[in-house]
Amino acid sequence: MDEVDRIQRTCSRILAISQAGRVLLLRGHDPARPQFAIWHAPGGGVEPGENAEQAAIREFFEEIGMTISLGAHVWNRTSRFSYDGIPFEQYERYFVAHVEAEFEPSFVNMGDDERSWVTGHGWFDVAALVDIQTRDLLAPPDLPQRLAELLRDGVPAEPVEVGGEVLP
């Protein structure tokens, strides 16, 4: 598909990381390709009048059901993909948010469209992320390595570029 035909989208995501070094992810799928499960950090599109930080906090509240305090902007990602047959080019900013305890998300604020494609959630350490990649997809695809770096080295001085395409 020609690049000019892609819908441009800016997105913010939150890496909620517990004291145990586990990250909260949602499991979803593309309605046009339901055979592929994709695990990703909570987040979504930046709306007009919002900055990236405001969008991350709003999206986390909508998808997880709670307000969270943001930490640093740690990663950037550009991804070209299709969703339900519609081609996108998405620029994502990832923010870290350290949480004391792992919690059970509440999906009460999630919209019907999100509820239709989110099929699960979980808290994962690096080893579990490596295991997930044997059967499902991760967004970004280099999530295990990047999370290991973040846990080992702490917040980078500048946001790091992370892996792109998961399913074109």
N, C-alpha and C. Protein backbone atom coordinates (compact mmCIF):
# COMPACT_ATOMS: atom_id res chain seq x y z
N MET A 1 0.84 -1.17 0.00
CA MET A 1 0.00 0.00 0.00
C MET A 1 0.89 1.23 0.00
N ASP A 2 0.54 2.23 -0.74
CA ASP A 2 1.32 3.45 -0.85
C ASP A 2 1.33 4.21 0.48
N GLU A 3 2.50 4.76 0.84
CA GLU A 3 2.66 5.44 2.12
C GLU A 3 1.68 6.60 2.30
N VAL A 4 1.33 7.32 1.23
CA VAL A 4 0.42 8.46 1.38
C VAL A 4 -0.99 8.02 1.75
N ASP A 5 -1.28 6.75 1.60
CA ASP A 5 -2.61 6.24 1.94
C ASP A 5 -2.75 5.89 3.42
N ARG A 6 -1.67 5.98 4.18
CA ARG A 6 -1.71 5.60 5.59
C ARG A 6 -2.26 6.73 6.44
N ILE A 7 -3.08 6.37 7.41
CA ILE A 7 -3.57 7.35 8.39
C ILE A 7 -2.45 7.60 9.39
N GLN A 8 -2.10 8.85 9.59
CA GLN A 8 -1.06 9.23 10.54
C GLN A 8 -1.68 9.36 11.93
N ARG A 9 -1.01 8.79 12.93
CA ARG A 9 -1.56 8.78 14.28
C ARG A 9 -0.43 8.95 15.29
N THR A 10 -0.68 9.76 16.30
CA THR A 10 0.27 9.91 17.41
C THR A 10 -0.36 9.29 18.65
N CYS A 11 0.43 8.54 19.37
CA CYS A 11 -0.07 7.73 20.47
C CYS A 11 0.86 7.85 21.67
N SER A 12 0.31 7.70 22.87
CA SER A 12 1.09 7.66 24.11
C SER A 12 0.77 6.37 24.84
N ARG A 13 1.80 5.76 25.42
CA ARG A 13 1.62 4.51 26.15
C ARG A 13 2.34 4.59 27.49
N ILE A 14 1.85 3.78 28.45
CA ILE A 14 2.45 3.74 29.78
C ILE A 14 2.99 2.34 30.06
N LEU A 15 4.25 2.32 30.48
CA LEU A 15 4.88 1.08 30.97
C LEU A 15 4.74 1.09 32.48
N ALA A 16 3.64 0.53 32.98
CA ALA A 16 3.43 0.42 34.42
C ALA A 16 4.29 -0.74 34.90
N ILE A 17 5.30 -0.42 35.73
CA ILE A 17 6.26 -1.42 36.18
C ILE A 17 6.16 -1.56 37.69
N SER A 18 5.96 -2.80 38.14
CA SER A 18 5.83 -3.08 39.57
C SER A 18 7.20 -3.15 40.23
N GLN A 19 7.19 -3.17 41.55
CA GLN A 19 8.44 -3.32 42.31
C GLN A 19 9.12 -4.64 42.01
N ALA A 20 8.36 -5.62 41.55
CA ALA A 20 8.92 -6.93 41.19
C ALA A 20 9.54 -6.92 39.79
N GLY A 21 9.50 -5.77 39.10
CA GLY A 21 10.08 -5.67 37.77
C GLY A 21 9.21 -6.27 36.68
N ARG A 22 7.91 -6.27 36.92
CA ARG A 22 6.96 -6.80 35.93
C ARG A 22 6.17 -5.65 35.33
N VAL A 23 5.88 -5.75 34.03
CA VAL A 23 5.18 -4.70 33.30
C VAL A 23 3.75 -5.17 33.00
N LEU A 24 2.81 -4.24 33.08
CA LEU A 24 1.41 -4.52 32.78
C LEU A 24 1.18 -4.40 31.28
N LEU A 25 0.61 -5.44 30.69
CA LEU A 25 0.29 -5.44 29.26
C LEU A 25 -1.15 -5.86 29.04
N LEU A 26 -1.71 -5.39 27.93
CA LEU A 26 -3.03 -5.82 27.48
C LEU A 26 -2.85 -6.74 26.28
N ARG A 27 -3.75 -7.70 26.18
CA ARG A 27 -3.74 -8.62 25.04
C ARG A 27 -4.88 -8.21 24.11
N GLY A 28 -4.56 -7.99 22.84
CA GLY A 28 -5.57 -7.60 21.88
C GLY A 28 -5.37 -8.31 20.56
N HIS A 29 -6.21 -7.96 19.62
CA HIS A 29 -6.09 -8.54 18.28
C HIS A 29 -6.69 -7.60 17.25
N ASP A 30 -6.31 -7.78 16.02
CA ASP A 30 -6.84 -7.05 14.88
C ASP A 30 -8.08 -7.82 14.42
N PRO A 31 -9.24 -7.18 14.34
CA PRO A 31 -10.45 -7.90 13.91
C PRO A 31 -10.29 -8.59 12.55
N ALA A 32 -9.46 -8.03 11.67
CA ALA A 32 -9.25 -8.64 10.36
C ALA A 32 -8.32 -9.85 10.42
N ARG A 33 -7.58 -9.99 11.55
CA ARG A 33 -6.64 -11.10 11.71
C ARG A 33 -6.71 -11.62 13.14
N PRO A 34 -7.85 -12.17 13.53
CA PRO A 34 -8.03 -12.57 14.93
C PRO A 34 -7.14 -13.73 15.37
N GLN A 35 -6.48 -14.38 14.44
CA GLN A 35 -5.60 -15.49 14.79
C GLN A 35 -4.31 -15.02 15.46
N PHE A 36 -4.01 -13.72 15.40
CA PHE A 36 -2.80 -13.18 16.01
C PHE A 36 -3.14 -12.41 17.28
N ALA A 37 -2.58 -12.82 18.39
CA ALA A 37 -2.72 -12.07 19.64
C ALA A 37 -1.51 -11.14 19.77
N ILE A 38 -1.77 -9.91 20.17
CA ILE A 38 -0.71 -8.91 20.32
C ILE A 38 -0.78 -8.35 21.73
N TRP A 39 0.32 -8.45 22.48
CA TRP A 39 0.44 -7.89 23.82
C TRP A 39 1.08 -6.51 23.71
N HIS A 40 0.47 -5.52 24.35
CA HIS A 40 0.95 -4.15 24.24
C HIS A 40 0.69 -3.38 25.53
N ALA A 41 1.43 -2.30 25.72
CA ALA A 41 1.25 -1.43 26.89
C ALA A 41 -0.03 -0.62 26.73
N PRO A 42 -0.72 -0.33 27.83
CA PRO A 42 -1.91 0.51 27.75
C PRO A 42 -1.58 1.88 27.15
N GLY A 43 -2.51 2.40 26.38
CA GLY A 43 -2.33 3.71 25.79
C GLY A 43 -3.15 3.86 24.54
N GLY A 44 -3.04 5.01 23.92
CA GLY A 44 -3.81 5.26 22.71
C GLY A 44 -3.54 6.64 22.15
N GLY A 45 -4.40 7.04 21.25
CA GLY A 45 -4.21 8.26 20.48
C GLY A 45 -4.25 9.54 21.29
N VAL A 46 -3.40 10.48 20.88
CA VAL A 46 -3.39 11.82 21.45
C VAL A 46 -4.51 12.60 20.77
N GLU A 47 -5.42 13.15 21.57
CA GLU A 47 -6.55 13.91 21.04
C GLU A 47 -6.19 15.37 20.88
N PRO A 48 -6.91 16.09 20.00
CA PRO A 48 -6.64 17.53 19.83
C PRO A 48 -6.70 18.26 21.18
N GLY A 49 -5.72 19.13 21.41
CA GLY A 49 -5.65 19.90 22.65
C GLY A 49 -4.90 19.20 23.77
N GLU A 50 -4.51 17.94 23.58
CA GLU A 50 -3.76 17.20 24.59
C GLU A 50 -2.28 17.18 24.22
N ASN A 51 -1.44 17.07 25.25
CA ASN A 51 -0.04 16.74 24.98
C ASN A 51 0.12 15.24 25.23
N ALA A 52 1.31 14.73 24.97
CA ALA A 52 1.55 13.29 25.09
C ALA A 52 1.32 12.78 26.51
N GLU A 53 1.74 13.55 27.50
CA GLU A 53 1.57 13.13 28.89
C GLU A 53 0.10 13.06 29.28
N GLN A 54 -0.67 14.08 28.90
CA GLN A 54 -2.11 14.08 29.20
C GLN A 54 -2.81 12.90 28.54
N ALA A 55 -2.44 12.62 27.30
CA ALA A 55 -3.05 11.49 26.59
C ALA A 55 -2.73 10.17 27.27
N ALA A 56 -1.49 10.01 27.72
CA ALA A 56 -1.10 8.75 28.39
C ALA A 56 -1.93 8.55 29.65
N ILE A 57 -2.07 9.59 30.46
CA ILE A 57 -2.83 9.49 31.71
C ILE A 57 -4.31 9.20 31.41
N ARG A 58 -4.88 9.91 30.44
CA ARG A 58 -6.30 9.69 30.08
C ARG A 58 -6.51 8.28 29.57
N GLU A 59 -5.65 7.84 28.66
CA GLU A 59 -5.81 6.50 28.09
C GLU A 59 -5.66 5.42 29.15
N PHE A 60 -4.73 5.59 30.08
CA PHE A 60 -4.56 4.61 31.15
C PHE A 60 -5.82 4.54 32.00
N PHE A 61 -6.40 5.69 32.30
CA PHE A 61 -7.65 5.71 33.07
C PHE A 61 -8.77 5.01 32.30
N GLU A 62 -8.86 5.29 31.01
CA GLU A 62 -9.92 4.67 30.20
C GLU A 62 -9.72 3.16 30.07
N GLU A 63 -8.49 2.73 29.87
CA GLU A 63 -8.23 1.32 29.61
C GLU A 63 -8.04 0.48 30.87
N ILE A 64 -7.50 1.07 31.94
CA ILE A 64 -7.15 0.32 33.13
C ILE A 64 -8.04 0.67 34.32
N GLY A 65 -8.66 1.85 34.28
CA GLY A 65 -9.60 2.22 35.33
C GLY A 65 -8.99 2.94 36.51
N MET A 66 -7.78 3.47 36.36
CA MET A 66 -7.19 4.20 37.47
C MET A 66 -6.29 5.32 36.96
N THR A 67 -6.13 6.32 37.81
CA THR A 67 -5.22 7.41 37.52
C THR A 67 -3.82 7.02 37.97
N ILE A 68 -2.84 7.40 37.18
CA ILE A 68 -1.46 7.01 37.47
C ILE A 68 -0.55 8.22 37.31
N SER A 69 0.53 8.25 38.08
CA SER A 69 1.53 9.32 37.97
C SER A 69 2.60 8.88 36.99
N LEU A 70 2.88 9.74 36.03
CA LEU A 70 3.88 9.43 35.02
C LEU A 70 5.28 9.68 35.50
N GLY A 71 6.17 8.85 35.00
CA GLY A 71 7.60 9.09 35.14
C GLY A 71 8.12 9.62 33.82
N ALA A 72 9.34 9.26 33.51
CA ALA A 72 10.03 9.78 32.33
C ALA A 72 9.51 9.20 31.02
N HIS A 73 9.70 9.98 29.97
CA HIS A 73 9.50 9.53 28.59
C HIS A 73 10.74 8.73 28.24
N VAL A 74 10.58 7.40 28.04
CA VAL A 74 11.74 6.52 27.89
C VAL A 74 11.95 5.96 26.48
N TRP A 75 10.88 5.78 25.72
CA TRP A 75 11.00 5.17 24.40
C TRP A 75 10.17 5.92 23.38
N ASN A 76 10.58 5.80 22.11
CA ASN A 76 9.80 6.24 20.96
C ASN A 76 9.70 5.06 20.01
N ARG A 77 8.62 5.02 19.27
CA ARG A 77 8.43 3.94 18.30
C ARG A 77 7.61 4.45 17.13
N THR A 78 8.01 4.10 15.92
CA THR A 78 7.21 4.37 14.73
C THR A 78 6.85 3.02 14.14
N SER A 79 5.56 2.83 13.88
CA SER A 79 5.08 1.54 13.39
C SER A 79 4.12 1.75 12.23
N ARG A 80 4.29 0.96 11.21
CA ARG A 80 3.35 0.93 10.08
C ARG A 80 2.61 -0.39 10.18
N PHE A 81 1.29 -0.31 10.17
CA PHE A 81 0.48 -1.51 10.33
C PHE A 81 -0.91 -1.26 9.75
N SER A 82 -1.69 -2.31 9.69
CA SER A 82 -3.10 -2.13 9.34
C SER A 82 -3.93 -2.66 10.50
N TYR A 83 -5.07 -2.04 10.69
CA TYR A 83 -6.02 -2.48 11.71
C TYR A 83 -7.38 -2.55 11.04
N ASP A 84 -7.95 -3.72 11.03
CA ASP A 84 -9.24 -3.97 10.37
C ASP A 84 -9.19 -3.52 8.90
N GLY A 85 -8.03 -3.75 8.29
CA GLY A 85 -7.87 -3.43 6.88
C GLY A 85 -7.51 -1.99 6.58
N ILE A 86 -7.41 -1.15 7.59
CA ILE A 86 -7.08 0.27 7.39
C ILE A 86 -5.60 0.47 7.71
N PRO A 87 -4.83 1.05 6.77
CA PRO A 87 -3.39 1.23 7.00
C PRO A 87 -3.09 2.46 7.86
N PHE A 88 -2.16 2.30 8.81
CA PHE A 88 -1.75 3.37 9.71
C PHE A 88 -0.24 3.51 9.73
N GLU A 89 0.20 4.70 10.04
CA GLU A 89 1.57 4.94 10.47
C GLU A 89 1.43 5.63 11.81
N GLN A 90 1.97 5.00 12.84
CA GLN A 90 1.74 5.47 14.21
C GLN A 90 3.07 5.80 14.89
N TYR A 91 3.12 7.00 15.45
CA TYR A 91 4.27 7.42 16.25
C TYR A 91 3.86 7.32 17.71
N GLU A 92 4.63 6.57 18.50
CA GLU A 92 4.29 6.32 19.90
C GLU A 92 5.37 6.87 20.83
N ARG A 93 4.92 7.41 21.95
CA ARG A 93 5.81 7.78 23.05
C ARG A 93 5.46 6.88 24.23
N TYR A 94 6.47 6.34 24.86
CA TYR A 94 6.29 5.47 26.02
C TYR A 94 6.80 6.18 27.26
N PHE A 95 5.97 6.17 28.29
CA PHE A 95 6.33 6.75 29.58
C PHE A 95 6.37 5.63 30.62
N VAL A 96 7.30 5.71 31.53
CA VAL A 96 7.37 4.73 32.61
C VAL A 96 6.54 5.25 33.78
N ALA A 97 5.94 4.33 34.51
CA ALA A 97 5.20 4.66 35.74
C ALA A 97 5.44 3.51 36.71
N HIS A 98 6.18 3.80 37.76
CA HIS A 98 6.46 2.76 38.76
C HIS A 98 5.28 2.65 39.72
N VAL A 99 4.84 1.42 39.96
CA VAL A 99 3.73 1.17 40.87
C VAL A 99 4.23 0.27 42.00
N GLU A 100 3.68 0.47 43.17
CA GLU A 100 4.13 -0.32 44.32
C GLU A 100 3.69 -1.78 44.21
N ALA A 101 2.43 -1.96 43.91
CA ALA A 101 1.88 -3.32 43.87
C ALA A 101 1.20 -3.57 42.53
N GLU A 102 1.24 -4.82 42.11
CA GLU A 102 0.51 -5.21 40.91
C GLU A 102 -0.97 -5.23 41.24
N PHE A 103 -1.77 -4.73 40.34
CA PHE A 103 -3.20 -4.59 40.59
C PHE A 103 -3.98 -5.22 39.46
N GLU A 104 -5.24 -5.43 39.71
CA GLU A 104 -6.17 -5.97 38.71
C GLU A 104 -6.83 -4.78 38.00
N PRO A 105 -6.64 -4.65 36.69
CA PRO A 105 -7.29 -3.55 35.97
C PRO A 105 -8.81 -3.65 36.01
N SER A 106 -9.44 -2.51 35.93
CA SER A 106 -10.89 -2.44 35.81
C SER A 106 -11.19 -1.85 34.44
N PHE A 107 -11.96 -2.53 33.66
CA PHE A 107 -12.23 -2.08 32.30
C PHE A 107 -13.54 -1.29 32.19
N VAL A 108 -14.03 -0.76 33.30
CA VAL A 108 -15.32 -0.06 33.31
C VAL A 108 -15.32 1.20 32.47
N ASN A 109 -14.17 1.84 32.29
CA ASN A 109 -14.10 3.08 31.51
C ASN A 109 -13.76 2.85 30.05
N MET A 110 -13.55 1.59 29.69
CA MET A 110 -13.15 1.24 28.33
C MET A 110 -14.35 1.36 27.39
N GLY A 111 -14.10 1.91 26.21
CA GLY A 111 -15.16 2.00 25.21
C GLY A 111 -15.50 0.65 24.61
N ASP A 112 -16.67 0.56 24.00
CA ASP A 112 -17.11 -0.70 23.40
C ASP A 112 -16.14 -1.21 22.35
N ASP A 113 -15.57 -0.30 21.55
CA ASP A 113 -14.64 -0.73 20.51
C ASP A 113 -13.40 -1.37 21.13
N GLU A 114 -12.89 -0.78 22.22
CA GLU A 114 -11.73 -1.36 22.89
C GLU A 114 -12.08 -2.70 23.54
N ARG A 115 -13.25 -2.77 24.14
CA ARG A 115 -13.67 -4.03 24.76
C ARG A 115 -13.76 -5.16 23.74
N SER A 116 -14.06 -4.81 22.49
CA SER A 116 -14.21 -5.84 21.47
C SER A 116 -12.88 -6.46 21.06
N TRP A 117 -11.78 -5.74 21.24
CA TRP A 117 -10.51 -6.32 20.83
C TRP A 117 -9.53 -6.60 21.96
N VAL A 118 -9.75 -6.09 23.17
CA VAL A 118 -8.90 -6.45 24.30
C VAL A 118 -9.41 -7.75 24.89
N THR A 119 -8.54 -8.77 24.90
CA THR A 119 -8.97 -10.10 25.32
C THR A 119 -8.26 -10.60 26.58
N GLY A 120 -7.45 -9.75 27.19
CA GLY A 120 -6.77 -10.17 28.40
C GLY A 120 -5.77 -9.14 28.87
N HIS A 121 -5.14 -9.46 29.99
CA HIS A 121 -4.10 -8.60 30.56
C HIS A 121 -3.21 -9.45 31.44
N GLY A 122 -2.08 -8.90 31.80
CA GLY A 122 -1.18 -9.60 32.71
C GLY A 122 0.02 -8.77 33.06
N TRP A 123 0.71 -9.21 34.10
CA TRP A 123 1.96 -8.60 34.56
C TRP A 123 3.08 -9.57 34.18
N PHE A 124 4.12 -9.06 33.49
CA PHE A 124 5.15 -9.93 32.93
C PHE A 124 6.55 -9.43 33.24
N ASP A 125 7.42 -10.38 33.65
CA ASP A 125 8.84 -10.06 33.76
C ASP A 125 9.49 -10.37 32.42
N VAL A 126 10.79 -10.11 32.32
CA VAL A 126 11.49 -10.29 31.05
C VAL A 126 11.41 -11.74 30.57
N ALA A 127 11.61 -12.71 31.45
CA ALA A 127 11.55 -14.12 31.06
C ALA A 127 10.17 -14.48 30.51
N ALA A 128 9.12 -13.98 31.13
CA ALA A 128 7.76 -14.27 30.66
C ALA A 128 7.51 -13.63 29.29
N LEU A 129 8.09 -12.46 29.05
CA LEU A 129 7.94 -11.82 27.73
C LEU A 129 8.63 -12.64 26.65
N VAL A 130 9.79 -13.17 26.96
CA VAL A 130 10.48 -14.04 26.00
C VAL A 130 9.62 -15.26 25.70
N ASP A 131 8.99 -15.83 26.73
CA ASP A 131 8.12 -16.98 26.55
C ASP A 131 6.89 -16.64 25.71
N ILE A 132 6.29 -15.47 25.94
CA ILE A 132 5.11 -15.06 25.17
C ILE A 132 5.43 -15.03 23.68
N GLN A 133 6.63 -14.59 23.34
CA GLN A 133 6.99 -14.48 21.93
C GLN A 133 7.03 -15.83 21.21
N THR A 134 6.96 -16.92 21.94
CA THR A 134 6.92 -18.23 21.29
C THR A 134 5.53 -18.54 20.76
N ARG A 135 4.51 -17.79 21.20
CA ARG A 135 3.13 -18.08 20.76
C ARG A 135 2.34 -16.84 20.35
N ASP A 136 2.68 -15.67 20.87
CA ASP A 136 1.96 -14.43 20.56
C ASP A 136 2.95 -13.37 20.11
N LEU A 137 2.43 -12.21 19.73
CA LEU A 137 3.25 -11.10 19.29
C LEU A 137 3.36 -10.05 20.40
N LEU A 138 4.46 -9.33 20.41
CA LEU A 138 4.67 -8.23 21.36
C LEU A 138 4.82 -6.93 20.61
N ALA A 139 4.28 -5.87 21.17
CA ALA A 139 4.47 -4.54 20.62
C ALA A 139 5.06 -3.66 21.73
N PRO A 140 6.27 -3.18 21.54
CA PRO A 140 7.15 -3.39 20.40
C PRO A 140 7.76 -4.80 20.42
N PRO A 141 8.22 -5.27 19.24
CA PRO A 141 8.75 -6.63 19.18
C PRO A 141 10.01 -6.84 20.01
N ASP A 142 10.76 -5.78 20.30
CA ASP A 142 11.96 -5.91 21.12
C ASP A 142 11.69 -5.60 22.60
N LEU A 143 10.44 -5.73 23.02
CA LEU A 143 10.05 -5.42 24.40
C LEU A 143 10.87 -6.17 25.45
N PRO A 144 11.15 -7.47 25.31
CA PRO A 144 11.94 -8.13 26.36
C PRO A 144 13.32 -7.49 26.56
N GLN A 145 14.02 -7.23 25.47
CA GLN A 145 15.35 -6.64 25.57
C GLN A 145 15.27 -5.22 26.13
N ARG A 146 14.31 -4.46 25.67
CA ARG A 146 14.19 -3.06 26.10
C ARG A 146 13.79 -2.96 27.57
N LEU A 147 12.90 -3.84 28.02
CA LEU A 147 12.52 -3.83 29.43
C LEU A 147 13.72 -4.23 30.28
N ALA A 148 14.49 -5.22 29.84
CA ALA A 148 15.68 -5.63 30.58
C ALA A 148 16.66 -4.46 30.72
N GLU A 149 16.86 -3.70 29.64
CA GLU A 149 17.73 -2.53 29.68
C GLU A 149 17.21 -1.48 30.66
N LEU A 150 15.91 -1.24 30.61
CA LEU A 150 15.30 -0.23 31.47
C LEU A 150 15.43 -0.62 32.94
N LEU A 151 15.20 -1.88 33.24
CA LEU A 151 15.32 -2.35 34.62
C LEU A 151 16.77 -2.34 35.11
N ARG A 152 17.68 -2.69 34.22
CA ARG A 152 19.10 -2.77 34.58
C ARG A 152 19.75 -1.38 34.67
N ASP A 153 19.47 -0.53 33.65
CA ASP A 153 20.19 0.74 33.52
C ASP A 153 19.41 1.95 34.02
N GLY A 154 18.11 1.79 34.26
CA GLY A 154 17.28 2.92 34.66
C GLY A 154 16.85 3.75 33.47
N VAL A 155 16.31 4.91 33.76
CA VAL A 155 15.76 5.80 32.73
C VAL A 155 16.91 6.33 31.86
N PRO A 156 16.76 6.22 30.53
CA PRO A 156 17.81 6.74 29.65
C PRO A 156 17.83 8.27 29.66
N ALA A 157 19.00 8.84 29.33
CA ALA A 157 19.15 10.30 29.28
C ALA A 157 18.23 10.90 28.21
N GLU A 158 18.05 10.20 27.12
CA GLU A 158 17.16 10.59 26.02
C GLU A 158 16.30 9.39 25.68
N PRO A 159 15.05 9.60 25.22
CA PRO A 159 14.22 8.46 24.83
C PRO A 159 14.91 7.60 23.76
N VAL A 160 14.77 6.29 23.89
CA VAL A 160 15.39 5.29 23.01
C VAL A 160 14.38 4.90 21.93
N GLU A 161 14.87 4.73 20.70
CA GLU A 161 14.02 4.21 19.62
C GLU A 161 13.90 2.70 19.81
N VAL A 162 12.66 2.20 19.85
CA VAL A 162 12.42 0.77 20.03
C VAL A 162 11.83 0.19 18.75
N GLY A 163 11.72 -1.15 18.70
CA GLY A 163 11.28 -1.87 17.52
C GLY A 163 9.98 -1.36 16.93
N GLY A 164 9.81 -1.56 15.65
CA GLY A 164 8.65 -1.04 14.92
C GLY A 164 7.56 -2.04 14.66
N GLU A 165 7.48 -2.55 13.42
CA GLU A 165 6.35 -3.35 12.98
C GLU A 165 6.21 -4.66 13.74
N VAL A 166 4.95 -4.99 14.02
CA VAL A 166 4.59 -6.27 14.60
C VAL A 166 3.87 -7.09 13.54
N LEU A 167 2.80 -6.53 13.01
CA LEU A 167 2.06 -7.12 11.89
C LEU A 167 1.84 -6.01 10.87
N PRO A 168 2.45 -6.12 9.69
CA PRO A 168 2.28 -5.05 8.69
C PRO A 168 0.85 -4.91 8.23
